[in-house]
N, C-alpha and C. Protein backbone atom coordinates (compact mmCIF):
# COMPACT_ATOMS: atom_id res chain seq x y z
N MET A 1 0.85 -1.18 0.00
CA MET A 1 0.00 0.00 0.00
C MET A 1 0.90 1.24 0.00
N ASN A 2 0.63 2.16 -0.92
CA ASN A 2 1.51 3.33 -0.97
C ASN A 2 1.11 4.39 0.05
N ALA A 3 1.96 5.39 0.18
CA ALA A 3 1.77 6.40 1.22
C ALA A 3 0.49 7.22 1.03
N ALA A 4 0.13 7.50 -0.22
CA ALA A 4 -1.09 8.29 -0.46
C ALA A 4 -2.32 7.55 0.02
N LYS A 5 -2.36 6.25 -0.21
CA LYS A 5 -3.52 5.47 0.22
C LYS A 5 -3.60 5.38 1.73
N VAL A 6 -2.44 5.24 2.38
CA VAL A 6 -2.41 5.18 3.84
C VAL A 6 -2.82 6.54 4.42
N ALA A 7 -2.34 7.61 3.80
CA ALA A 7 -2.66 8.94 4.30
C ALA A 7 -4.14 9.27 4.11
N TYR A 8 -4.77 8.67 3.11
CA TYR A 8 -6.17 8.96 2.84
C TYR A 8 -7.11 8.32 3.86
N LYS A 9 -6.70 7.25 4.50
CA LYS A 9 -7.58 6.54 5.45
C LYS A 9 -8.14 7.46 6.53
N PRO A 10 -7.31 8.19 7.29
CA PRO A 10 -7.90 9.06 8.32
C PRO A 10 -8.71 10.22 7.72
N VAL A 11 -8.28 10.71 6.56
CA VAL A 11 -9.04 11.77 5.89
C VAL A 11 -10.41 11.23 5.49
N GLY A 12 -10.43 10.03 4.96
CA GLY A 12 -11.70 9.41 4.58
C GLY A 12 -12.62 9.21 5.77
N MET A 13 -12.05 8.86 6.90
CA MET A 13 -12.86 8.68 8.11
C MET A 13 -13.47 10.01 8.56
N LEU A 14 -12.68 11.07 8.52
CA LEU A 14 -13.19 12.40 8.89
C LEU A 14 -14.25 12.87 7.91
N LEU A 15 -14.01 12.63 6.62
CA LEU A 15 -15.02 12.99 5.62
C LEU A 15 -16.31 12.21 5.85
N GLY A 16 -16.19 10.95 6.21
CA GLY A 16 -17.36 10.13 6.48
C GLY A 16 -18.17 10.65 7.65
N ALA A 17 -17.48 11.04 8.71
CA ALA A 17 -18.18 11.59 9.88
C ALA A 17 -18.85 12.91 9.53
N GLY A 18 -18.15 13.75 8.80
CA GLY A 18 -18.72 15.02 8.38
C GLY A 18 -19.91 14.84 7.46
N SER A 19 -19.82 13.85 6.58
CA SER A 19 -20.94 13.62 5.67
C SER A 19 -22.18 13.13 6.42
N GLY A 20 -21.98 12.40 7.50
CA GLY A 20 -23.10 11.97 8.33
C GLY A 20 -23.83 13.14 8.95
N VAL A 21 -23.07 14.11 9.41
CA VAL A 21 -23.67 15.31 10.01
C VAL A 21 -24.44 16.10 8.94
N VAL A 22 -23.80 16.28 7.78
CA VAL A 22 -24.44 17.02 6.70
C VAL A 22 -25.72 16.30 6.25
N ALA A 23 -25.65 14.99 6.11
CA ALA A 23 -26.81 14.21 5.67
C ALA A 23 -27.95 14.32 6.69
N GLY A 24 -27.63 14.30 7.97
CA GLY A 24 -28.65 14.44 9.00
C GLY A 24 -29.35 15.79 8.92
N LEU A 25 -28.58 16.84 8.73
CA LEU A 25 -29.17 18.18 8.61
C LEU A 25 -30.02 18.30 7.35
N LEU A 26 -29.52 17.74 6.25
CA LEU A 26 -30.27 17.78 5.00
C LEU A 26 -31.58 17.01 5.11
N PHE A 27 -31.53 15.84 5.75
CA PHE A 27 -32.74 15.05 5.93
C PHE A 27 -33.77 15.80 6.75
N LYS A 28 -33.34 16.46 7.82
CA LYS A 28 -34.29 17.22 8.65
C LYS A 28 -34.97 18.31 7.84
N GLN A 29 -34.20 18.98 6.97
CA GLN A 29 -34.79 20.04 6.15
C GLN A 29 -35.76 19.45 5.12
N LEU A 30 -35.41 18.33 4.51
CA LEU A 30 -36.30 17.70 3.55
C LEU A 30 -37.57 17.20 4.23
N TRP A 31 -37.43 16.68 5.44
CA TRP A 31 -38.62 16.17 6.12
C TRP A 31 -39.60 17.31 6.44
N LYS A 32 -39.07 18.49 6.68
CA LYS A 32 -39.95 19.64 6.94
C LYS A 32 -40.83 19.93 5.72
N LEU A 33 -40.34 19.61 4.53
CA LEU A 33 -41.14 19.78 3.32
C LEU A 33 -42.25 18.73 3.24
N VAL A 34 -41.98 17.54 3.79
CA VAL A 34 -42.96 16.45 3.77
C VAL A 34 -44.02 16.66 4.83
N ASP A 35 -43.60 16.97 6.04
CA ASP A 35 -44.52 17.11 7.17
C ASP A 35 -44.10 18.34 7.98
N ARG A 36 -44.69 19.45 7.68
CA ARG A 36 -44.29 20.73 8.29
C ARG A 36 -44.48 20.78 9.80
N ASP A 37 -45.38 19.99 10.33
CA ASP A 37 -45.75 20.10 11.74
C ASP A 37 -44.91 19.25 12.69
N GLN A 38 -44.29 18.19 12.18
CA GLN A 38 -43.66 17.23 13.09
C GLN A 38 -42.26 16.86 12.64
N ASP A 39 -41.49 16.36 13.61
CA ASP A 39 -40.20 15.77 13.29
C ASP A 39 -40.42 14.45 12.59
N ALA A 40 -39.37 13.90 12.02
CA ALA A 40 -39.48 12.60 11.37
C ALA A 40 -39.90 11.56 12.40
N PRO A 41 -40.75 10.63 11.99
CA PRO A 41 -41.25 9.65 12.96
C PRO A 41 -40.21 8.61 13.34
N ASP A 42 -40.32 8.17 14.57
CA ASP A 42 -39.52 7.05 15.05
C ASP A 42 -40.29 5.78 14.72
N ALA A 43 -39.58 4.72 14.39
CA ALA A 43 -40.23 3.47 14.00
C ALA A 43 -41.10 2.90 15.13
N LYS A 44 -40.79 3.21 16.38
CA LYS A 44 -41.54 2.66 17.50
C LYS A 44 -42.62 3.60 18.04
N ASP A 45 -42.86 4.69 17.31
CA ASP A 45 -43.90 5.63 17.72
C ASP A 45 -45.25 5.07 17.30
N GLU A 46 -46.04 4.62 18.26
CA GLU A 46 -47.31 3.97 17.92
C GLU A 46 -48.35 4.94 17.39
N ASN A 47 -48.12 6.22 17.52
CA ASN A 47 -49.07 7.22 17.03
C ASN A 47 -48.84 7.61 15.58
N ARG A 48 -47.81 7.07 14.96
CA ARG A 48 -47.52 7.38 13.57
C ARG A 48 -47.88 6.20 12.69
N ARG A 49 -48.30 6.48 11.48
CA ARG A 49 -48.72 5.44 10.55
C ARG A 49 -47.51 4.77 9.90
N TRP A 50 -47.75 3.53 9.44
CA TRP A 50 -46.71 2.78 8.74
C TRP A 50 -46.15 3.59 7.58
N ARG A 51 -47.05 4.19 6.81
CA ARG A 51 -46.62 4.94 5.63
C ARG A 51 -45.64 6.05 6.00
N GLU A 52 -45.92 6.78 7.06
CA GLU A 52 -45.03 7.86 7.50
C GLU A 52 -43.66 7.32 7.90
N VAL A 53 -43.68 6.25 8.68
CA VAL A 53 -42.43 5.67 9.19
C VAL A 53 -41.57 5.16 8.04
N LEU A 54 -42.19 4.44 7.10
CA LEU A 54 -41.43 3.87 6.00
C LEU A 54 -40.96 4.94 5.02
N LEU A 55 -41.77 5.95 4.78
CA LEU A 55 -41.35 7.05 3.93
C LEU A 55 -40.15 7.77 4.53
N ALA A 56 -40.20 8.03 5.81
CA ALA A 56 -39.09 8.71 6.49
C ALA A 56 -37.82 7.86 6.41
N ALA A 57 -37.94 6.56 6.62
CA ALA A 57 -36.77 5.68 6.57
C ALA A 57 -36.18 5.64 5.16
N ALA A 58 -37.03 5.57 4.15
CA ALA A 58 -36.55 5.53 2.77
C ALA A 58 -35.86 6.84 2.39
N LEU A 59 -36.47 7.96 2.77
CA LEU A 59 -35.87 9.26 2.46
C LEU A 59 -34.55 9.44 3.19
N GLN A 60 -34.50 9.05 4.44
CA GLN A 60 -33.27 9.17 5.21
C GLN A 60 -32.16 8.31 4.61
N GLY A 61 -32.49 7.08 4.24
CA GLY A 61 -31.49 6.21 3.63
C GLY A 61 -30.97 6.76 2.31
N ALA A 62 -31.87 7.29 1.50
CA ALA A 62 -31.46 7.86 0.21
C ALA A 62 -30.57 9.08 0.40
N VAL A 63 -30.92 9.94 1.34
CA VAL A 63 -30.12 11.14 1.59
C VAL A 63 -28.73 10.75 2.09
N PHE A 64 -28.66 9.82 3.03
CA PHE A 64 -27.36 9.42 3.57
C PHE A 64 -26.50 8.77 2.48
N ALA A 65 -27.09 7.93 1.65
CA ALA A 65 -26.33 7.27 0.58
C ALA A 65 -25.84 8.29 -0.44
N LEU A 66 -26.68 9.24 -0.80
CA LEU A 66 -26.31 10.26 -1.77
C LEU A 66 -25.17 11.13 -1.26
N VAL A 67 -25.29 11.60 -0.03
CA VAL A 67 -24.24 12.46 0.54
C VAL A 67 -22.94 11.68 0.70
N LYS A 68 -23.02 10.44 1.17
CA LYS A 68 -21.82 9.63 1.34
C LYS A 68 -21.11 9.41 0.02
N ALA A 69 -21.86 9.07 -1.02
CA ALA A 69 -21.26 8.84 -2.33
C ALA A 69 -20.62 10.12 -2.87
N ALA A 70 -21.28 11.25 -2.71
CA ALA A 70 -20.73 12.51 -3.19
C ALA A 70 -19.45 12.88 -2.46
N VAL A 71 -19.43 12.70 -1.16
CA VAL A 71 -18.25 13.03 -0.37
C VAL A 71 -17.11 12.06 -0.66
N ASP A 72 -17.40 10.76 -0.73
CA ASP A 72 -16.36 9.77 -1.04
C ASP A 72 -15.74 10.02 -2.40
N ARG A 73 -16.60 10.28 -3.39
CA ARG A 73 -16.10 10.52 -4.74
C ARG A 73 -15.27 11.79 -4.80
N SER A 74 -15.75 12.85 -4.16
CA SER A 74 -15.00 14.11 -4.15
C SER A 74 -13.64 13.95 -3.47
N GLY A 75 -13.62 13.21 -2.38
CA GLY A 75 -12.35 12.96 -1.69
C GLY A 75 -11.38 12.17 -2.55
N ALA A 76 -11.88 11.17 -3.25
CA ALA A 76 -11.02 10.36 -4.11
C ALA A 76 -10.48 11.19 -5.27
N VAL A 77 -11.32 12.03 -5.86
CA VAL A 77 -10.87 12.90 -6.96
C VAL A 77 -9.80 13.86 -6.45
N ALA A 78 -9.99 14.42 -5.27
CA ALA A 78 -9.00 15.34 -4.71
C ALA A 78 -7.67 14.63 -4.48
N VAL A 79 -7.71 13.41 -3.96
CA VAL A 79 -6.48 12.66 -3.73
C VAL A 79 -5.77 12.38 -5.06
N ARG A 80 -6.54 12.00 -6.07
CA ARG A 80 -5.92 11.73 -7.37
C ARG A 80 -5.27 13.00 -7.93
N ARG A 81 -5.92 14.14 -7.78
CA ARG A 81 -5.33 15.40 -8.27
C ARG A 81 -4.05 15.75 -7.53
N LEU A 82 -4.03 15.49 -6.22
CA LEU A 82 -2.85 15.83 -5.42
C LEU A 82 -1.71 14.84 -5.57
N THR A 83 -2.06 13.56 -5.68
CA THR A 83 -1.00 12.53 -5.65
C THR A 83 -0.82 11.79 -6.98
N GLY A 84 -1.81 11.85 -7.85
CA GLY A 84 -1.73 11.10 -9.09
C GLY A 84 -2.20 9.66 -8.97
N THR A 85 -2.61 9.24 -7.78
CA THR A 85 -3.11 7.86 -7.60
C THR A 85 -4.50 7.90 -7.01
N TRP A 86 -5.28 6.89 -7.37
CA TRP A 86 -6.66 6.77 -6.89
C TRP A 86 -6.65 5.97 -5.59
N PRO A 87 -7.25 6.48 -4.52
CA PRO A 87 -7.28 5.73 -3.26
C PRO A 87 -8.24 4.54 -3.35
N ASP A 88 -7.91 3.46 -2.68
CA ASP A 88 -8.78 2.28 -2.66
C ASP A 88 -9.67 2.28 -1.47
């Protein structure tokens, strides 16, 4: 394993943590568009309907996957530009 790939590991971990925070904030804002009155439902909230719970879970998963992919790809492109090698 070359030095650029080793050096990218901690950077990738920090980017991953940051992307989780960004994705959480983005999801909260998107959910406000879906249901202006309430926070996203918890799966164990008996007062919320199945449809609400499953919609929230699907939206949250999509947002987290999208943000993670964008951040991972951007980080890999930056490493390639700086070092000339693609991180694994």
